[in-house]
Amino acid sequence: MTIQRFETGPRMSQIVVHGDTVYLAGIVANTTAGESVTKQTQEVLSIIDSHLAKAGSDKSKLLTATIYITDMKNFAEMNAVWDGWVSAGNTPARATVEVNLAGPKYGVEIMVIAAR
């Protein structure tokens, strides 16, 4: 079975496809880093949509999601955006954990695995 890698750099690939499974690296906000968790989550989910499309998948085929958030006080704020985005009836297995991210400007990071 072949492995496809997209947006590959010296440290990691943003998208890896093995068979009919799509693995995304953890996604953080680019343009909205440092802004509200709402804006960051919106941007992250938009990037996820784009990455999944590039791999021949979409959010209705999510299998798992791991959400890293820097402060659980923002859990409801992040969930409000997530709940409006996730495909009804196709919600993935999910975990949300509080962590320190790569820099203080990041409030949320999301990593998903999807079927193709």
N, C-alpha and C. Protein backbone atom coordinates (compact mmCIF):
# COMPACT_ATOMS: atom_id res chain seq x y z
N MET A 1 0.84 -1.17 0.00
CA MET A 1 0.00 0.00 0.00
C MET A 1 0.90 1.24 0.00
N THR A 2 0.55 2.21 -0.83
CA THR A 2 1.37 3.41 -0.93
C THR A 2 1.05 4.43 0.16
N ILE A 3 2.01 5.28 0.39
CA ILE A 3 1.85 6.39 1.32
C ILE A 3 2.04 7.67 0.53
N GLN A 4 1.10 8.59 0.64
CA GLN A 4 1.21 9.90 0.01
C GLN A 4 1.42 10.93 1.10
N ARG A 5 2.29 11.90 0.83
CA ARG A 5 2.54 12.97 1.78
C ARG A 5 2.36 14.31 1.06
N PHE A 6 1.67 15.24 1.72
CA PHE A 6 1.42 16.56 1.16
C PHE A 6 1.97 17.61 2.12
N GLU A 7 2.43 18.70 1.54
CA GLU A 7 2.98 19.80 2.34
C GLU A 7 4.03 19.28 3.30
N THR A 8 5.01 18.61 2.71
CA THR A 8 6.06 17.96 3.47
C THR A 8 7.22 18.93 3.70
N GLY A 9 7.67 18.99 4.93
CA GLY A 9 8.82 19.81 5.29
C GLY A 9 9.88 18.94 5.92
N PRO A 10 10.94 19.57 6.43
CA PRO A 10 12.03 18.79 7.02
C PRO A 10 11.65 18.10 8.33
N ARG A 11 10.62 18.60 9.00
CA ARG A 11 10.23 18.05 10.31
C ARG A 11 8.98 17.18 10.23
N MET A 12 8.05 17.53 9.33
CA MET A 12 6.77 16.82 9.30
C MET A 12 6.02 17.10 8.01
N SER A 13 5.02 16.30 7.77
CA SER A 13 4.08 16.52 6.67
C SER A 13 2.76 16.97 7.27
N GLN A 14 2.09 17.89 6.61
CA GLN A 14 0.79 18.35 7.08
C GLN A 14 -0.29 17.30 6.86
N ILE A 15 -0.15 16.52 5.77
CA ILE A 15 -1.16 15.53 5.40
C ILE A 15 -0.43 14.25 5.00
N VAL A 16 -0.87 13.12 5.55
CA VAL A 16 -0.34 11.82 5.16
C VAL A 16 -1.53 10.92 4.86
N VAL A 17 -1.49 10.27 3.70
CA VAL A 17 -2.55 9.35 3.30
C VAL A 17 -1.94 7.96 3.17
N HIS A 18 -2.54 7.01 3.88
CA HIS A 18 -2.13 5.61 3.78
C HIS A 18 -3.38 4.80 3.49
N GLY A 19 -3.44 4.21 2.32
CA GLY A 19 -4.65 3.50 1.91
C GLY A 19 -5.81 4.48 1.86
N ASP A 20 -6.86 4.19 2.58
CA ASP A 20 -8.03 5.06 2.62
C ASP A 20 -8.13 5.83 3.93
N THR A 21 -7.00 6.04 4.60
CA THR A 21 -6.99 6.80 5.84
C THR A 21 -6.14 8.05 5.67
N VAL A 22 -6.70 9.18 6.12
CA VAL A 22 -6.03 10.48 6.01
C VAL A 22 -5.66 10.94 7.41
N TYR A 23 -4.40 11.26 7.61
CA TYR A 23 -3.89 11.74 8.89
C TYR A 23 -3.45 13.20 8.72
N LEU A 24 -3.96 14.08 9.54
CA LEU A 24 -3.52 15.47 9.50
C LEU A 24 -2.65 15.76 10.71
N ALA A 25 -1.63 16.57 10.49
CA ALA A 25 -0.81 17.07 11.60
C ALA A 25 -1.67 17.99 12.45
N GLY A 26 -1.23 18.29 13.63
CA GLY A 26 -1.94 19.26 14.45
C GLY A 26 -1.97 20.61 13.74
N ILE A 27 -3.15 21.21 13.67
CA ILE A 27 -3.33 22.47 12.94
C ILE A 27 -3.55 23.60 13.95
N VAL A 28 -2.79 24.68 13.78
CA VAL A 28 -2.98 25.89 14.57
C VAL A 28 -3.31 27.03 13.61
N ALA A 29 -3.82 28.11 14.17
CA ALA A 29 -4.17 29.29 13.38
C ALA A 29 -2.91 29.97 12.85
N ASN A 30 -3.03 30.52 11.67
CA ASN A 30 -1.94 31.31 11.09
C ASN A 30 -2.25 32.79 11.23
N THR A 31 -3.28 33.24 10.55
CA THR A 31 -3.60 34.67 10.51
C THR A 31 -4.30 35.16 11.77
N THR A 32 -4.96 34.27 12.50
CA THR A 32 -5.70 34.70 13.70
C THR A 32 -4.98 34.31 14.99
N ALA A 33 -3.75 33.83 14.90
CA ALA A 33 -2.98 33.51 16.11
C ALA A 33 -2.91 34.75 16.99
N GLY A 34 -3.17 34.56 18.27
CA GLY A 34 -3.18 35.69 19.20
C GLY A 34 -4.55 36.31 19.39
N GLU A 35 -5.50 35.95 18.52
CA GLU A 35 -6.86 36.46 18.65
C GLU A 35 -7.69 35.48 19.48
N SER A 36 -8.99 35.67 19.51
CA SER A 36 -9.87 34.85 20.34
C SER A 36 -9.84 33.38 19.93
N VAL A 37 -10.21 32.52 20.86
CA VAL A 37 -10.31 31.09 20.57
C VAL A 37 -11.37 30.85 19.49
N THR A 38 -12.41 31.66 19.48
CA THR A 38 -13.43 31.54 18.43
C THR A 38 -12.80 31.73 17.06
N LYS A 39 -12.08 32.82 16.87
CA LYS A 39 -11.46 33.09 15.57
C LYS A 39 -10.42 32.05 15.21
N GLN A 40 -9.62 31.66 16.19
CA GLN A 40 -8.60 30.64 15.92
C GLN A 40 -9.25 29.31 15.53
N THR A 41 -10.29 28.91 16.23
CA THR A 41 -10.97 27.65 15.92
C THR A 41 -11.59 27.71 14.53
N GLN A 42 -12.20 28.82 14.17
CA GLN A 42 -12.76 28.98 12.83
C GLN A 42 -11.68 28.80 11.76
N GLU A 43 -10.54 29.44 11.97
CA GLU A 43 -9.46 29.32 10.99
C GLU A 43 -8.92 27.90 10.93
N VAL A 44 -8.71 27.28 12.08
CA VAL A 44 -8.19 25.91 12.12
C VAL A 44 -9.13 24.96 11.38
N LEU A 45 -10.42 25.08 11.61
CA LEU A 45 -11.39 24.19 10.94
C LEU A 45 -11.42 24.44 9.44
N SER A 46 -11.22 25.67 9.03
CA SER A 46 -11.15 25.99 7.60
C SER A 46 -9.92 25.34 6.96
N ILE A 47 -8.80 25.37 7.67
CA ILE A 47 -7.58 24.71 7.19
C ILE A 47 -7.81 23.20 7.11
N ILE A 48 -8.47 22.64 8.11
CA ILE A 48 -8.77 21.21 8.09
C ILE A 48 -9.63 20.86 6.88
N ASP A 49 -10.65 21.67 6.61
CA ASP A 49 -11.47 21.44 5.40
C ASP A 49 -10.61 21.40 4.15
N SER A 50 -9.70 22.35 4.03
CA SER A 50 -8.82 22.44 2.86
C SER A 50 -7.90 21.23 2.76
N HIS A 51 -7.29 20.84 3.87
CA HIS A 51 -6.39 19.68 3.88
C HIS A 51 -7.14 18.39 3.53
N LEU A 52 -8.32 18.22 4.11
CA LEU A 52 -9.10 17.02 3.81
C LEU A 52 -9.47 16.96 2.33
N ALA A 53 -9.86 18.09 1.77
CA ALA A 53 -10.21 18.14 0.34
C ALA A 53 -9.00 17.76 -0.52
N LYS A 54 -7.83 18.26 -0.15
CA LYS A 54 -6.60 17.95 -0.89
C LYS A 54 -6.34 16.44 -0.88
N ALA A 55 -6.73 15.77 0.19
CA ALA A 55 -6.51 14.34 0.34
C ALA A 55 -7.68 13.51 -0.18
N GLY A 56 -8.72 14.16 -0.70
CA GLY A 56 -9.87 13.43 -1.24
C GLY A 56 -10.88 13.03 -0.19
N SER A 57 -10.98 13.81 0.89
CA SER A 57 -11.91 13.50 1.97
C SER A 57 -12.66 14.77 2.37
N ASP A 58 -13.46 14.67 3.43
CA ASP A 58 -14.15 15.83 3.97
C ASP A 58 -14.56 15.54 5.41
N LYS A 59 -15.10 16.57 6.08
CA LYS A 59 -15.41 16.44 7.51
C LYS A 59 -16.47 15.39 7.82
N SER A 60 -17.26 14.97 6.85
CA SER A 60 -18.26 13.92 7.10
C SER A 60 -17.60 12.55 7.28
N LYS A 61 -16.31 12.47 6.97
CA LYS A 61 -15.60 11.20 7.07
C LYS A 61 -14.59 11.18 8.22
N LEU A 62 -14.71 12.13 9.15
CA LEU A 62 -13.81 12.15 10.30
C LEU A 62 -13.98 10.89 11.14
N LEU A 63 -12.86 10.33 11.56
CA LEU A 63 -12.87 9.17 12.44
C LEU A 63 -12.57 9.59 13.88
N THR A 64 -11.52 10.39 14.05
CA THR A 64 -11.14 10.88 15.37
C THR A 64 -10.70 12.33 15.29
N ALA A 65 -10.82 13.01 16.41
CA ALA A 65 -10.30 14.37 16.55
C ALA A 65 -9.69 14.50 17.93
N THR A 66 -8.53 15.12 17.98
CA THR A 66 -7.91 15.45 19.25
C THR A 66 -7.76 16.97 19.27
N ILE A 67 -8.33 17.58 20.28
CA ILE A 67 -8.32 19.04 20.40
C ILE A 67 -7.48 19.41 21.60
N TYR A 68 -6.50 20.25 21.35
CA TYR A 68 -5.62 20.75 22.40
C TYR A 68 -6.00 22.20 22.64
N ILE A 69 -6.29 22.54 23.88
CA ILE A 69 -6.72 23.89 24.23
C ILE A 69 -5.88 24.35 25.42
N THR A 70 -5.49 25.63 25.40
CA THR A 70 -4.57 26.11 26.44
C THR A 70 -5.26 26.45 27.75
N ASP A 71 -6.59 26.61 27.71
CA ASP A 71 -7.31 26.96 28.94
C ASP A 71 -8.73 26.42 28.83
N MET A 72 -9.09 25.52 29.72
CA MET A 72 -10.43 24.92 29.68
C MET A 72 -11.54 25.95 29.92
N LYS A 73 -11.19 27.14 30.36
CA LYS A 73 -12.18 28.21 30.45
C LYS A 73 -12.73 28.56 29.07
N ASN A 74 -11.97 28.22 28.01
CA ASN A 74 -12.38 28.50 26.63
C ASN A 74 -13.03 27.29 25.95
N PHE A 75 -13.30 26.24 26.71
CA PHE A 75 -13.87 25.01 26.16
C PHE A 75 -15.22 25.27 25.47
N ALA A 76 -16.12 25.98 26.13
CA ALA A 76 -17.44 26.26 25.54
C ALA A 76 -17.32 27.13 24.31
N GLU A 77 -16.40 28.09 24.32
CA GLU A 77 -16.19 28.97 23.17
C GLU A 77 -15.71 28.16 21.95
N MET A 78 -14.76 27.26 22.17
CA MET A 78 -14.28 26.41 21.09
C MET A 78 -15.38 25.48 20.62
N ASN A 79 -16.13 24.88 21.57
CA ASN A 79 -17.20 23.96 21.20
C ASN A 79 -18.31 24.63 20.39
N ALA A 80 -18.59 25.90 20.65
CA ALA A 80 -19.62 26.61 19.88
C ALA A 80 -19.26 26.64 18.40
N VAL A 81 -17.98 26.84 18.11
CA VAL A 81 -17.52 26.84 16.71
C VAL A 81 -17.51 25.41 16.17
N TRP A 82 -16.97 24.48 16.94
CA TRP A 82 -16.91 23.07 16.52
C TRP A 82 -18.31 22.54 16.21
N ASP A 83 -19.26 22.79 17.11
CA ASP A 83 -20.62 22.26 16.93
C ASP A 83 -21.29 22.79 15.67
N GLY A 84 -20.97 24.01 15.28
CA GLY A 84 -21.51 24.57 14.05
C GLY A 84 -20.83 24.06 12.80
N TRP A 85 -19.65 23.49 12.95
CA TRP A 85 -18.86 23.02 11.81
C TRP A 85 -19.00 21.52 11.57
N VAL A 86 -18.98 20.73 12.62
CA VAL A 86 -18.92 19.27 12.48
C VAL A 86 -20.17 18.77 11.74
N SER A 87 -19.99 17.71 10.96
CA SER A 87 -21.07 17.14 10.14
C SER A 87 -22.06 16.39 11.03
N ALA A 88 -23.29 16.88 11.09
CA ALA A 88 -24.33 16.25 11.92
C ALA A 88 -24.49 14.78 11.55
N GLY A 89 -24.53 13.94 12.56
CA GLY A 89 -24.69 12.51 12.34
C GLY A 89 -23.39 11.80 11.99
N ASN A 90 -22.32 12.57 11.81
CA ASN A 90 -21.02 11.99 11.45
C ASN A 90 -19.93 12.45 12.41
N THR A 91 -20.29 12.68 13.65
CA THR A 91 -19.31 13.19 14.60
C THR A 91 -18.26 12.12 14.90
N PRO A 92 -16.99 12.55 15.00
CA PRO A 92 -15.92 11.58 15.25
C PRO A 92 -15.78 11.26 16.73
N ALA A 93 -15.03 10.21 17.01
CA ALA A 93 -14.55 10.01 18.38
C ALA A 93 -13.66 11.21 18.67
N ARG A 94 -13.71 11.74 19.90
CA ARG A 94 -13.00 13.00 20.15
C ARG A 94 -12.48 13.06 21.58
N ALA A 95 -11.34 13.70 21.73
CA ALA A 95 -10.78 14.01 23.04
C ALA A 95 -10.36 15.47 23.03
N THR A 96 -10.53 16.13 24.16
CA THR A 96 -10.07 17.51 24.31
C THR A 96 -9.24 17.58 25.58
N VAL A 97 -8.03 18.12 25.44
CA VAL A 97 -7.13 18.19 26.59
C VAL A 97 -6.55 19.59 26.72
N GLU A 98 -6.27 19.97 27.96
CA GLU A 98 -5.64 21.26 28.22
C GLU A 98 -4.13 21.07 28.19
N VAL A 99 -3.45 21.94 27.43
CA VAL A 99 -2.00 21.81 27.23
C VAL A 99 -1.36 23.19 27.10
N ASN A 100 -0.04 23.20 27.12
CA ASN A 100 0.74 24.34 26.66
C ASN A 100 1.07 24.07 25.19
N LEU A 101 0.78 25.02 24.32
CA LEU A 101 1.08 24.85 22.90
C LEU A 101 2.44 25.47 22.58
N ALA A 102 2.84 25.44 21.33
CA ALA A 102 4.17 25.86 20.90
C ALA A 102 4.49 27.32 21.21
N GLY A 103 3.48 28.14 21.33
CA GLY A 103 3.70 29.54 21.65
C GLY A 103 2.46 30.13 22.31
N PRO A 104 2.63 31.22 23.06
CA PRO A 104 1.50 31.81 23.79
C PRO A 104 0.41 32.40 22.90
N LYS A 105 0.70 32.63 21.64
CA LYS A 105 -0.31 33.19 20.74
C LYS A 105 -1.34 32.16 20.28
N TYR A 106 -1.04 30.87 20.52
CA TYR A 106 -1.95 29.81 20.10
C TYR A 106 -2.87 29.42 21.25
N GLY A 107 -4.18 29.39 20.99
CA GLY A 107 -5.15 28.99 22.00
C GLY A 107 -5.74 27.62 21.77
N VAL A 108 -5.62 27.13 20.52
CA VAL A 108 -6.21 25.85 20.17
C VAL A 108 -5.41 25.20 19.03
N GLU A 109 -5.32 23.89 19.09
CA GLU A 109 -4.71 23.09 18.03
C GLU A 109 -5.58 21.86 17.86
N ILE A 110 -5.84 21.49 16.61
CA ILE A 110 -6.72 20.35 16.34
C ILE A 110 -6.02 19.38 15.38
N MET A 111 -6.11 18.11 15.72
CA MET A 111 -5.53 17.04 14.90
C MET A 111 -6.63 16.03 14.59
N VAL A 112 -6.77 15.65 13.32
CA VAL A 112 -7.83 14.70 12.96
C VAL A 112 -7.30 13.55 12.10
N ILE A 113 -8.05 12.48 12.11
CA ILE A 113 -7.86 11.34 11.22
C ILE A 113 -9.20 11.13 10.55
N ALA A 114 -9.17 10.89 9.22
CA ALA A 114 -10.41 10.72 8.47
C ALA A 114 -10.27 9.57 7.48
N ALA A 115 -11.40 9.04 7.07
CA ALA A 115 -11.44 8.07 5.98
C ALA A 115 -11.48 8.84 4.66
N ARG A 116 -11.13 8.17 3.60
CA ARG A 116 -11.17 8.81 2.30
C ARG A 116 -12.39 8.40 1.55
